[in-house]
């Protein structure tokens, strides 16, 4: 998949291992690197739906965004970057059509 970043802060954390370790700790930064590698190697988001990482769509004020688990309750939040957004007839996201994503933030939103 093609990956972009919402801002320079999230880009630095996702592309600089030293910055990721400083911000997240060694274990969480390692998991982040694994998730990013999974995303890079996948052709679309559907390929990741049932692999490690608890990939899921968000609800409420985060509707339209997705997340995957990093460590504990920490999540990598991202949005589909395809224009237009791939949707199914019921209005949900069509994961097989999502080939571009934008990383938004790393947060515990619980």
PDB file of N, CA and C in Angstrom:
ATOM      1  N   UNK A   1       0.835  -1.181   0.000  1.00  0.00           N
ATOM      2  CA  UNK A   1       0.000   0.000   0.000  1.00  0.00           C
ATOM      3  C   UNK A   1       0.876   1.238   0.000  1.00  0.00           C
ATOM      4  N   UNK A   2       0.284   2.283  -0.461  1.00  0.00           N
ATOM      5  CA  UNK A   2       0.944   3.583  -0.475  1.00  0.00           C
ATOM      6  C   UNK A   2       0.647   4.267   0.863  1.00  0.00           C
ATOM      7  N   UNK A   3       1.663   4.847   1.490  1.00  0.00           N
ATOM      8  CA  UNK A   3       1.497   5.455   2.809  1.00  0.00           C
ATOM      9  C   UNK A   3       1.896   6.922   2.778  1.00  0.00           C
ATOM     10  N   UNK A   4       1.021   7.763   3.357  1.00  0.00           N
ATOM     11  CA  UNK A   4       1.314   9.184   3.538  1.00  0.00           C
ATOM     12  C   UNK A   4       1.093   9.514   5.014  1.00  0.00           C
ATOM     13  N   UNK A   5       1.385  10.745   5.391  1.00  0.00           N
ATOM     14  CA  UNK A   5       1.314  11.145   6.792  1.00  0.00           C
ATOM     15  C   UNK A   5       0.543  12.450   6.924  1.00  0.00           C
ATOM     16  N   UNK A   6      -0.271  12.549   7.976  1.00  0.00           N
ATOM     17  CA  UNK A   6      -1.094  13.731   8.201  1.00  0.00           C
ATOM     18  C   UNK A   6      -0.257  14.952   8.595  1.00  0.00           C
ATOM     19  N   UNK A   7       0.895  14.706   9.234  1.00  0.00           N
ATOM     20  CA  UNK A   7       1.750  15.819   9.654  1.00  0.00           C
ATOM     21  C   UNK A   7       3.182  15.316   9.855  1.00  0.00           C
ATOM     22  N   UNK A   8       4.079  16.250  10.081  1.00  0.00           N
ATOM     23  CA  UNK A   8       5.494  15.897  10.210  1.00  0.00           C
ATOM     24  C   UNK A   8       5.783  15.116  11.492  1.00  0.00           C
ATOM     25  N   UNK A   9       4.988  15.323  12.531  1.00  0.00           N
ATOM     26  CA  UNK A   9       5.204  14.608  13.794  1.00  0.00           C
ATOM     27  C   UNK A   9       4.984  13.108  13.616  1.00  0.00           C
ATOM     28  N   UNK A  10       3.853  12.721  13.035  1.00  0.00           N
ATOM     29  CA  UNK A  10       3.574  11.299  12.841  1.00  0.00           C
ATOM     30  C   UNK A  10       4.541  10.709  11.815  1.00  0.00           C
ATOM     31  N   UNK A  11       4.933  11.493  10.834  1.00  0.00           N
ATOM     32  CA  UNK A  11       5.903  11.007   9.851  1.00  0.00           C
ATOM     33  C   UNK A  11       7.236  10.689  10.519  1.00  0.00           C
ATOM     34  N   UNK A  12       7.676  11.553  11.416  1.00  0.00           N
ATOM     35  CA  UNK A  12       8.952  11.331  12.098  1.00  0.00           C
ATOM     36  C   UNK A  12       8.900  10.063  12.950  1.00  0.00           C
ATOM     37  N   UNK A  13       7.807   9.873  13.671  1.00  0.00           N
ATOM     38  CA  UNK A  13       7.676   8.688  14.525  1.00  0.00           C
ATOM     39  C   UNK A  13       7.661   7.416  13.680  1.00  0.00           C
ATOM     40  N   UNK A  14       6.996   7.475  12.523  1.00  0.00           N
ATOM     41  CA  UNK A  14       6.858   6.289  11.672  1.00  0.00           C
ATOM     42  C   UNK A  14       8.084   5.999  10.806  1.00  0.00           C
ATOM     43  N   UNK A  15       8.922   6.969  10.594  1.00  0.00           N
ATOM     44  CA  UNK A  15      10.058   6.769   9.688  1.00  0.00           C
ATOM     45  C   UNK A  15      11.420   6.828  10.379  1.00  0.00           C
ATOM     46  N   UNK A  16      11.440   7.186  11.656  1.00  0.00           N
ATOM     47  CA  UNK A  16      12.692   7.318  12.382  1.00  0.00           C
ATOM     48  C   UNK A  16      12.626   6.432  13.628  1.00  0.00           C
ATOM     49  N   UNK A  17      13.329   5.317  13.604  1.00  0.00           N
ATOM     50  CA  UNK A  17      13.271   4.362  14.713  1.00  0.00           C
ATOM     51  C   UNK A  17      13.673   4.986  16.043  1.00  0.00           C
ATOM     52  N   UNK A  18      14.653   5.869  16.021  1.00  0.00           N
ATOM     53  CA  UNK A  18      15.107   6.515  17.252  1.00  0.00           C
ATOM     54  C   UNK A  18      14.001   7.398  17.839  1.00  0.00           C
ATOM     55  N   UNK A  19      13.331   8.143  16.987  1.00  0.00           N
ATOM     56  CA  UNK A  19      12.224   8.997  17.442  1.00  0.00           C
ATOM     57  C   UNK A  19      11.072   8.144  17.960  1.00  0.00           C
ATOM     58  N   UNK A  20      10.791   7.032  17.298  1.00  0.00           N
ATOM     59  CA  UNK A  20       9.713   6.128  17.729  1.00  0.00           C
ATOM     60  C   UNK A  20      10.025   5.554  19.113  1.00  0.00           C
ATOM     61  N   UNK A  21      11.264   5.125  19.330  1.00  0.00           N
ATOM     62  CA  UNK A  21      11.640   4.566  20.633  1.00  0.00           C
ATOM     63  C   UNK A  21      11.538   5.614  21.737  1.00  0.00           C
ATOM     64  N   UNK A  22      11.926   6.829  21.419  1.00  0.00           N
ATOM     65  CA  UNK A  22      11.866   7.910  22.409  1.00  0.00           C
ATOM     66  C   UNK A  22      10.410   8.217  22.782  1.00  0.00           C
ATOM     67  N   UNK A  23       9.536   8.232  21.795  1.00  0.00           N
ATOM     68  CA  UNK A  23       8.135   8.575  22.015  1.00  0.00           C
ATOM     69  C   UNK A  23       7.332   7.410  22.605  1.00  0.00           C
ATOM     70  N   UNK A  24       7.599   6.191  22.128  1.00  0.00           N
ATOM     71  CA  UNK A  24       6.742   5.048  22.449  1.00  0.00           C
ATOM     72  C   UNK A  24       7.377   3.999  23.355  1.00  0.00           C
ATOM     73  N   UNK A  25       8.679   4.020  23.460  1.00  0.00           N
ATOM     74  CA  UNK A  25       9.377   2.946  24.167  1.00  0.00           C
ATOM     75  C   UNK A  25       9.805   1.886  23.162  1.00  0.00           C
ATOM     76  N   UNK A  26      10.770   1.075  23.562  1.00  0.00           N
ATOM     77  CA  UNK A  26      11.389   0.115  22.652  1.00  0.00           C
ATOM     78  C   UNK A  26      10.402  -0.929  22.121  1.00  0.00           C
ATOM     79  N   UNK A  27       9.597  -1.527  22.990  1.00  0.00           N
ATOM     80  CA  UNK A  27       8.687  -2.602  22.575  1.00  0.00           C
ATOM     81  C   UNK A  27       7.600  -2.072  21.638  1.00  0.00           C
ATOM     82  N   UNK A  28       6.982  -0.957  22.004  1.00  0.00           N
ATOM     83  CA  UNK A  28       5.920  -0.380  21.172  1.00  0.00           C
ATOM     84  C   UNK A  28       6.477   0.090  19.828  1.00  0.00           C
ATOM     85  N   UNK A  29       7.671   0.673  19.828  1.00  0.00           N
ATOM     86  CA  UNK A  29       8.305   1.115  18.583  1.00  0.00           C
ATOM     87  C   UNK A  29       8.585  -0.081  17.673  1.00  0.00           C
ATOM     88  N   UNK A  30       8.990  -1.204  18.243  1.00  0.00           N
ATOM     89  CA  UNK A  30       9.230  -2.418  17.462  1.00  0.00           C
ATOM     90  C   UNK A  30       7.920  -2.912  16.836  1.00  0.00           C
ATOM     91  N   UNK A  31       6.844  -2.894  17.609  1.00  0.00           N
ATOM     92  CA  UNK A  31       5.545  -3.312  17.081  1.00  0.00           C
ATOM     93  C   UNK A  31       5.082  -2.357  15.986  1.00  0.00           C
ATOM     94  N   UNK A  32       5.296  -1.057  16.183  1.00  0.00           N
ATOM     95  CA  UNK A  32       4.955  -0.077  15.151  1.00  0.00           C
ATOM     96  C   UNK A  32       5.682  -0.409  13.857  1.00  0.00           C
ATOM     97  N   UNK A  33       6.974  -0.690  13.937  1.00  0.00           N
ATOM     98  CA  UNK A  33       7.758  -1.037  12.747  1.00  0.00           C
ATOM     99  C   UNK A  33       7.158  -2.261  12.060  1.00  0.00           C
ATOM    100  N   UNK A  34       6.746  -3.270  12.835  1.00  0.00           N
ATOM    101  CA  UNK A  34       6.121  -4.460  12.252  1.00  0.00           C
ATOM    102  C   UNK A  34       4.821  -4.111  11.528  1.00  0.00           C
ATOM    103  N   UNK A  35       3.972  -3.284  12.150  1.00  0.00           N
ATOM    104  CA  UNK A  35       2.703  -2.895  11.515  1.00  0.00           C
ATOM    105  C   UNK A  35       2.956  -2.113  10.231  1.00  0.00           C
ATOM    106  N   UNK A  36       3.920  -1.207  10.259  1.00  0.00           N
ATOM    107  CA  UNK A  36       4.243  -0.424   9.062  1.00  0.00           C
ATOM    108  C   UNK A  36       4.752  -1.329   7.944  1.00  0.00           C
ATOM    109  N   UNK A  37       5.568  -2.322   8.301  1.00  0.00           N
ATOM    110  CA  UNK A  37       6.052  -3.279   7.302  1.00  0.00           C
ATOM    111  C   UNK A  37       4.891  -4.070   6.719  1.00  0.00           C
ATOM    112  N   UNK A  38       3.944  -4.482   7.572  1.00  0.00           N
ATOM    113  CA  UNK A  38       2.771  -5.206   7.094  1.00  0.00           C
ATOM    114  C   UNK A  38       1.999  -4.357   6.088  1.00  0.00           C
ATOM    115  N   UNK A  39       1.807  -3.077   6.406  1.00  0.00           N
ATOM    116  CA  UNK A  39       1.073  -2.183   5.525  1.00  0.00           C
ATOM    117  C   UNK A  39       1.789  -1.997   4.193  1.00  0.00           C
ATOM    118  N   UNK A  40       3.085  -1.811   4.259  1.00  0.00           N
ATOM    119  CA  UNK A  40       3.871  -1.589   3.046  1.00  0.00           C
ATOM    120  C   UNK A  40       3.820  -2.797   2.123  1.00  0.00           C
ATOM    121  N   UNK A  41       3.851  -3.988   2.692  1.00  0.00           N
ATOM    122  CA  UNK A  41       3.864  -5.212   1.894  1.00  0.00           C
ATOM    123  C   UNK A  41       2.489  -5.605   1.354  1.00  0.00           C
ATOM    124  N   UNK A  42       1.422  -5.128   1.977  1.00  0.00           N
ATOM    125  CA  UNK A  42       0.070  -5.493   1.548  1.00  0.00           C
ATOM    126  C   UNK A  42      -0.331  -4.725   0.290  1.00  0.00           C
ATOM    127  N   UNK A  43      -1.098  -5.372  -0.569  1.00  0.00           N
ATOM    128  CA  UNK A  43      -1.641  -4.704  -1.758  1.00  0.00           C
ATOM    129  C   UNK A  43      -2.838  -3.840  -1.406  1.00  0.00           C
ATOM    130  N   UNK A  44      -3.600  -4.266  -0.410  1.00  0.00           N
ATOM    131  CA  UNK A  44      -4.765  -3.506   0.045  1.00  0.00           C
ATOM    132  C   UNK A  44      -5.026  -3.859   1.506  1.00  0.00           C
ATOM    133  N   UNK A  45      -5.924  -3.113   2.114  1.00  0.00           N
ATOM    134  CA  UNK A  45      -6.175  -3.289   3.541  1.00  0.00           C
ATOM    135  C   UNK A  45      -6.840  -4.625   3.860  1.00  0.00           C
ATOM    136  N   UNK A  46      -7.602  -5.164   2.928  1.00  0.00           N
ATOM    137  CA  UNK A  46      -8.273  -6.445   3.151  1.00  0.00           C
ATOM    138  C   UNK A  46      -7.271  -7.541   3.500  1.00  0.00           C
ATOM    139  N   UNK A  47      -6.075  -7.482   2.952  1.00  0.00           N
ATOM    140  CA  UNK A  47      -5.048  -8.490   3.236  1.00  0.00           C
ATOM    141  C   UNK A  47      -4.626  -8.484   4.709  1.00  0.00           C
ATOM    142  N   UNK A  48      -4.899  -7.402   5.428  1.00  0.00           N
ATOM    143  CA  UNK A  48      -4.489  -7.292   6.826  1.00  0.00           C
ATOM    144  C   UNK A  48      -5.629  -7.545   7.807  1.00  0.00           C
ATOM    145  N   UNK A  49      -6.845  -7.653   7.325  1.00  0.00           N
ATOM    146  CA  UNK A  49      -8.026  -7.732   8.186  1.00  0.00           C
ATOM    147  C   UNK A  49      -7.907  -8.806   9.267  1.00  0.00           C
ATOM    148  N   UNK A  50      -7.374  -9.961   8.931  1.00  0.00           N
ATOM    149  CA  UNK A  50      -7.366 -11.075   9.881  1.00  0.00           C
ATOM    150  C   UNK A  50      -5.963 -11.504  10.315  1.00  0.00           C
ATOM    151  N   UNK A  51      -4.966 -10.629  10.143  1.00  0.00           N
ATOM    152  CA  UNK A  51      -3.623 -10.936  10.634  1.00  0.00           C
ATOM    153  C   UNK A  51      -3.412 -10.212  11.966  1.00  0.00           C
ATOM    154  N   UNK A  52      -2.343 -10.543  12.655  1.00  0.00           N
ATOM    155  CA  UNK A  52      -2.060  -9.927  13.958  1.00  0.00           C
ATOM    156  C   UNK A  52      -2.110  -8.409  13.854  1.00  0.00           C
ATOM    157  N   UNK A  53      -2.704  -7.786  14.848  1.00  0.00           N
ATOM    158  CA  UNK A  53      -2.768  -6.332  14.875  1.00  0.00           C
ATOM    159  C   UNK A  53      -4.151  -5.794  15.183  1.00  0.00           C
ATOM    160  N   UNK A  54      -5.158  -6.652  15.221  1.00  0.00           N
ATOM    161  CA  UNK A  54      -6.532  -6.237  15.537  1.00  0.00           C
ATOM    162  C   UNK A  54      -6.965  -5.033  14.693  1.00  0.00           C
ATOM    163  N   UNK A  55      -6.871  -5.150  13.401  1.00  0.00           N
ATOM    164  CA  UNK A  55      -7.239  -4.098  12.451  1.00  0.00           C
ATOM    165  C   UNK A  55      -8.747  -3.877  12.510  1.00  0.00           C
ATOM    166  N   UNK A  56      -9.172  -2.622  12.672  1.00  0.00           N
ATOM    167  CA  UNK A  56     -10.601  -2.374  12.802  1.00  0.00           C
ATOM    168  C   UNK A  56     -10.981  -0.944  12.432  1.00  0.00           C
ATOM    169  N   UNK A  57     -12.263  -0.805  12.028  1.00  0.00           N
ATOM    170  CA  UNK A  57     -12.821   0.513  11.740  1.00  0.00           C
ATOM    171  C   UNK A  57     -13.250   1.158  13.053  1.00  0.00           C
ATOM    172  N   UNK A  58     -13.168   2.472  13.099  1.00  0.00           N
ATOM    173  CA  UNK A  58     -13.555   3.209  14.291  1.00  0.00           C
ATOM    174  C   UNK A  58     -14.962   3.774  14.132  1.00  0.00           C
ATOM    175  N   UNK A  59     -15.564   4.157  15.241  1.00  0.00           N
ATOM    176  CA  UNK A  59     -16.941   4.647  15.261  1.00  0.00           C
ATOM    177  C   UNK A  59     -16.995   6.029  15.891  1.00  0.00           C
ATOM    178  N   UNK A  60     -18.178   6.569  15.953  1.00  0.00           N
ATOM    179  CA  UNK A  60     -18.398   7.856  16.619  1.00  0.00           C
ATOM    180  C   UNK A  60     -17.687   8.984  15.906  1.00  0.00           C
ATOM    181  N   UNK A  61     -16.984   9.817  16.684  1.00  0.00           N
ATOM    182  CA  UNK A  61     -16.302  10.970  16.088  1.00  0.00           C
ATOM    183  C   UNK A  61     -15.082  10.573  15.269  1.00  0.00           C
ATOM    184  N   UNK A  62     -14.725   9.310  15.288  1.00  0.00           N
ATOM    185  CA  UNK A  62     -13.602   8.813  14.473  1.00  0.00           C
ATOM    186  C   UNK A  62     -14.089   7.966  13.301  1.00  0.00           C
ATOM    187  N   UNK A  63     -15.385   8.029  12.995  1.00  0.00           N
ATOM    188  CA  UNK A  63     -15.934   7.263  11.877  1.00  0.00           C
ATOM    189  C   UNK A  63     -15.188   7.639  10.595  1.00  0.00           C
ATOM    190  N   UNK A  64     -14.833   6.623   9.810  1.00  0.00           N
ATOM    191  CA  UNK A  64     -14.058   6.841   8.589  1.00  0.00           C
ATOM    192  C   UNK A  64     -12.573   6.590   8.799  1.00  0.00           C
ATOM    193  N   UNK A  65     -12.152   6.482  10.059  1.00  0.00           N
ATOM    194  CA  UNK A  65     -10.770   6.161  10.376  1.00  0.00           C
ATOM    195  C   UNK A  65     -10.685   4.691  10.769  1.00  0.00           C
ATOM    196  N   UNK A  66      -9.468   4.163  10.741  1.00  0.00           N
ATOM    197  CA  UNK A  66      -9.207   2.786  11.146  1.00  0.00           C
ATOM    198  C   UNK A  66      -8.066   2.791  12.145  1.00  0.00           C
ATOM    199  N   UNK A  67      -7.876   1.639  12.789  1.00  0.00           N
ATOM    200  CA  UNK A  67      -6.804   1.524  13.776  1.00  0.00           C
ATOM    201  C   UNK A  67      -6.259   0.111  13.788  1.00  0.00           C
ATOM    202  N   UNK A  68      -5.035   0.005  14.278  1.00  0.00           N
ATOM    203  CA  UNK A  68      -4.453  -1.297  14.578  1.00  0.00           C
ATOM    204  C   UNK A  68      -3.747  -1.166  15.925  1.00  0.00           C
ATOM    205  N   UNK A  69      -3.672  -2.273  16.634  1.00  0.00           N
ATOM    206  CA  UNK A  69      -3.077  -2.282  17.973  1.00  0.00           C
ATOM    207  C   UNK A  69      -1.554  -2.245  17.890  1.00  0.00           C
ATOM    208  N   UNK A  70      -0.959  -1.529  18.826  1.00  0.00           N
ATOM    209  CA  UNK A  70       0.493  -1.522  18.951  1.00  0.00           C
ATOM    210  C   UNK A  70       0.907  -2.225  20.231  1.00  0.00           C
ATOM    211  N   UNK A  71       0.584  -1.641  21.375  1.00  0.00           N
ATOM    212  CA  UNK A  71       0.945  -2.230  22.664  1.00  0.00           C
ATOM    213  C   UNK A  71      -0.094  -1.791  23.682  1.00  0.00           C
ATOM    214  N   UNK A  72      -0.662  -2.754  24.393  1.00  0.00           N
ATOM    215  CA  UNK A  72      -1.700  -2.412  25.357  1.00  0.00           C
ATOM    216  C   UNK A  72      -2.859  -1.738  24.643  1.00  0.00           C
ATOM    217  N   UNK A  73      -3.190  -0.522  25.080  1.00  0.00           N
ATOM    218  CA  UNK A  73      -4.302   0.207  24.479  1.00  0.00           C
ATOM    219  C   UNK A  73      -3.846   1.237  23.447  1.00  0.00           C
ATOM    220  N   UNK A  74      -2.575   1.255  23.124  1.00  0.00           N
ATOM    221  CA  UNK A  74      -2.038   2.202  22.153  1.00  0.00           C
ATOM    222  C   UNK A  74      -2.373   1.734  20.744  1.00  0.00           C
ATOM    223  N   UNK A  75      -2.882   2.663  19.932  1.00  0.00           N
ATOM    224  CA  UNK A  75      -3.304   2.349  18.571  1.00  0.00           C
ATOM    225  C   UNK A  75      -2.649   3.282  17.561  1.00  0.00           C
ATOM    226  N   UNK A  76      -2.394   2.739  16.371  1.00  0.00           N
ATOM    227  CA  UNK A  76      -1.985   3.534  15.223  1.00  0.00           C
ATOM    228  C   UNK A  76      -3.270   3.853  14.470  1.00  0.00           C
ATOM    229  N   UNK A  77      -3.600   5.138  14.352  1.00  0.00           N
ATOM    230  CA  UNK A  77      -4.819   5.583  13.691  1.00  0.00           C
ATOM    231  C   UNK A  77      -4.466   6.018  12.266  1.00  0.00           C
ATOM    232  N   UNK A  78      -5.270   5.568  11.308  1.00  0.00           N
ATOM    233  CA  UNK A  78      -5.038   5.940   9.916  1.00  0.00           C
ATOM    234  C   UNK A  78      -6.360   6.060   9.174  1.00  0.00           C
ATOM    235  N   UNK A  79      -6.313   6.723   8.028  1.00  0.00           N
ATOM    236  CA  UNK A  79      -7.495   6.935   7.202  1.00  0.00           C
ATOM    237  C   UNK A  79      -7.217   6.459   5.788  1.00  0.00           C
ATOM    238  N   UNK A  80      -8.253   6.005   5.086  1.00  0.00           N
ATOM    239  CA  UNK A  80      -8.072   5.689   3.671  1.00  0.00           C
ATOM    240  C   UNK A  80      -7.718   6.975   2.928  1.00  0.00           C
ATOM    241  N   UNK A  81      -6.766   6.901   2.015  1.00  0.00           N
ATOM    242  CA  UNK A  81      -6.362   8.084   1.256  1.00  0.00           C
ATOM    243  C   UNK A  81      -6.784   7.983  -0.211  1.00  0.00           C
ATOM    244  N   UNK A  82      -7.472   6.907  -0.575  1.00  0.00           N
ATOM    245  CA  UNK A  82      -7.982   6.788  -1.938  1.00  0.00           C
ATOM    246  C   UNK A  82      -9.083   7.834  -2.150  1.00  0.00           C
ATOM    247  N   UNK A  83      -9.078   8.442  -3.330  1.00  0.00           N
ATOM    248  CA  UNK A  83     -10.131   9.403  -3.669  1.00  0.00           C
ATOM    249  C   UNK A  83     -10.809   8.910  -4.933  1.00  0.00           C
ATOM    250  N   UNK A  84     -12.112   8.632  -4.876  1.00  0.00           N
ATOM    251  CA  UNK A  84     -12.975   8.671  -3.704  1.00  0.00           C
ATOM    252  C   UNK A  84     -12.707   7.487  -2.790  1.00  0.00           C
ATOM    253  N   UNK A  85     -13.196   7.592  -1.561  1.00  0.00           N
ATOM    254  CA  UNK A  85     -13.029   6.487  -0.606  1.00  0.00           C
ATOM    255  C   UNK A  85     -13.810   5.279  -1.082  1.00  0.00           C
ATOM    256  N   UNK A  86     -13.167   4.119  -1.092  1.00  0.00           N
ATOM    257  CA  UNK A  86     -13.872   2.904  -1.505  1.00  0.00           C
ATOM    258  C   UNK A  86     -14.929   2.510  -0.460  1.00  0.00           C
ATOM    259  N   UNK A  87     -16.174   2.422  -0.893  1.00  0.00           N
ATOM    260  CA  UNK A  87     -17.247   2.051   0.013  1.00  0.00           C
ATOM    261  C   UNK A  87     -18.055   0.901  -0.557  1.00  0.00           C
ATOM    262  N   UNK A  88     -18.709   0.185   0.339  1.00  0.00           N
ATOM    263  CA  UNK A  88     -19.604  -0.901  -0.035  1.00  0.00           C
ATOM    264  C   UNK A  88     -21.015  -0.312  -0.169  1.00  0.00           C
ATOM    265  N   UNK A  89     -21.927  -1.059  -0.772  1.00  0.00           N
ATOM    266  CA  UNK A  89     -23.301  -0.556  -0.914  1.00  0.00           C
ATOM    267  C   UNK A  89     -23.961  -0.162   0.409  1.00  0.00           C
ATOM    268  N   UNK A  90     -23.580  -0.810   1.520  1.00  0.00           N
ATOM    269  CA  UNK A  90     -24.182  -0.474   2.815  1.00  0.00           C
ATOM    270  C   UNK A  90     -23.551   0.767   3.454  1.00  0.00           C
ATOM    271  N   UNK A  91     -22.563   1.370   2.772  1.00  0.00           N
ATOM    272  CA  UNK A  91     -21.920   2.588   3.269  1.00  0.00           C
ATOM    273  C   UNK A  91     -20.633   2.355   4.031  1.00  0.00           C
ATOM    274  N   UNK A  92     -20.335   1.102   4.383  1.00  0.00           N
ATOM    275  CA  UNK A  92     -19.091   0.784   5.079  1.00  0.00           C
ATOM    276  C   UNK A  92     -17.902   0.876   4.142  1.00  0.00           C
ATOM    277  N   UNK A  93     -16.716   0.871   4.708  1.00  0.00           N
ATOM    278  CA  UNK A  93     -15.504   0.928   3.893  1.00  0.00           C
ATOM    279  C   UNK A  93     -15.274  -0.395   3.175  1.00  0.00           C
ATOM    280  N   UNK A  94     -14.878  -0.319   1.928  1.00  0.00           N
ATOM    281  CA  UNK A  94     -14.507  -1.503   1.152  1.00  0.00           C
ATOM    282  C   UNK A  94     -13.005  -1.695   1.321  1.00  0.00           C
ATOM    283  N   UNK A  95     -12.620  -2.557   2.250  1.00  0.00           N
ATOM    284  CA  UNK A  95     -11.216  -2.756   2.588  1.00  0.00           C
ATOM    285  C   UNK A  95     -10.403  -3.218   1.392  1.00  0.00           C
ATOM    286  N   UNK A  96     -10.992  -3.960   0.480  1.00  0.00           N
ATOM    287  CA  UNK A  96     -10.235  -4.453  -0.676  1.00  0.00           C
ATOM    288  C   UNK A  96      -9.887  -3.322  -1.642  1.00  0.00           C
ATOM    289  N   UNK A  97     -10.581  -2.203  -1.562  1.00  0.00           N
ATOM    290  CA  UNK A  97     -10.297  -1.063  -2.429  1.00  0.00           C
ATOM    291  C   UNK A  97      -9.362  -0.037  -1.813  1.00  0.00           C
ATOM    292  N   UNK A  98      -9.002  -0.233  -0.558  1.00  0.00           N
ATOM    293  CA  UNK A  98      -8.116   0.722   0.115  1.00  0.00           C
ATOM    294  C   UNK A  98      -6.674   0.334  -0.166  1.00  0.00           C
ATOM    295  N   UNK A  99      -6.038   1.097  -1.034  1.00  0.00           N
ATOM    296  CA  UNK A  99      -4.653   0.843  -1.438  1.00  0.00           C
ATOM    297  C   UNK A  99      -3.726   1.989  -1.027  1.00  0.00           C
ATOM    298  N   UNK A 100      -4.304   3.045  -0.471  1.00  0.00           N
ATOM    299  CA  UNK A 100      -3.535   4.193  -0.001  1.00  0.00           C
ATOM    300  C   UNK A 100      -4.060   4.561   1.379  1.00  0.00           C
ATOM    301  N   UNK A 101      -3.137   4.808   2.306  1.00  0.00           N
ATOM    302  CA  UNK A 101      -3.556   5.213   3.643  1.00  0.00           C
ATOM    303  C   UNK A 101      -2.722   6.395   4.131  1.00  0.00           C
ATOM    304  N   UNK A 102      -3.339   7.157   5.017  1.00  0.00           N
ATOM    305  CA  UNK A 102      -2.656   8.289   5.645  1.00  0.00           C
ATOM    306  C   UNK A 102      -2.628   8.051   7.142  1.00  0.00           C
ATOM    307  N   UNK A 103      -1.432   8.001   7.713  1.00  0.00           N
ATOM    308  CA  UNK A 103      -1.297   7.843   9.161  1.00  0.00           C
ATOM    309  C   UNK A 103      -1.651   9.168   9.827  1.00  0.00           C
ATOM    310  N   UNK A 104      -2.498   9.077  10.844  1.00  0.00           N
ATOM    311  CA  UNK A 104      -3.014  10.269  11.500  1.00  0.00           C
ATOM    312  C   UNK A 104      -2.344  10.506  12.840  1.00  0.00           C
ATOM    313  N   UNK A 105      -2.343   9.482  13.703  1.00  0.00           N
ATOM    314  CA  UNK A 105      -1.733   9.654  15.021  1.00  0.00           C
ATOM    315  C   UNK A 105      -1.547   8.308  15.706  1.00  0.00           C
ATOM    316  N   UNK A 106      -0.805   8.332  16.792  1.00  0.00           N
ATOM    317  CA  UNK A 106      -0.628   7.186  17.671  1.00  0.00           C
ATOM    318  C   UNK A 106      -1.140   7.636  19.021  1.00  0.00           C
ATOM    319  N   UNK A 107      -2.146   6.902  19.525  1.00  0.00           N
ATOM    320  CA  UNK A 107      -2.838   7.374  20.720  1.00  0.00           C
ATOM    321  C   UNK A 107      -3.543   6.222  21.438  1.00  0.00           C
ATOM    322  N   UNK A 108      -3.828   6.431  22.713  1.00  0.00           N
ATOM    323  CA  UNK A 108      -4.735   5.568  23.469  1.00  0.00           C
ATOM    324  C   UNK A 108      -6.047   6.339  23.527  1.00  0.00           C
ATOM    325  N   UNK A 109      -6.995   6.002  22.678  1.00  0.00           N
ATOM    326  CA  UNK A 109      -8.266   6.738  22.621  1.00  0.00           C
ATOM    327  C   UNK A 109      -9.338   6.143  23.532  1.00  0.00           C
ATOM    328  N   UNK A 110      -8.998   5.152  24.317  1.00  0.00           N
ATOM    329  CA  UNK A 110      -9.974   4.501  25.183  1.00  0.00           C
ATOM    330  C   UNK A 110     -10.295   5.337  26.402  1.00  0.00           C
TER     331      UNK A 110
END
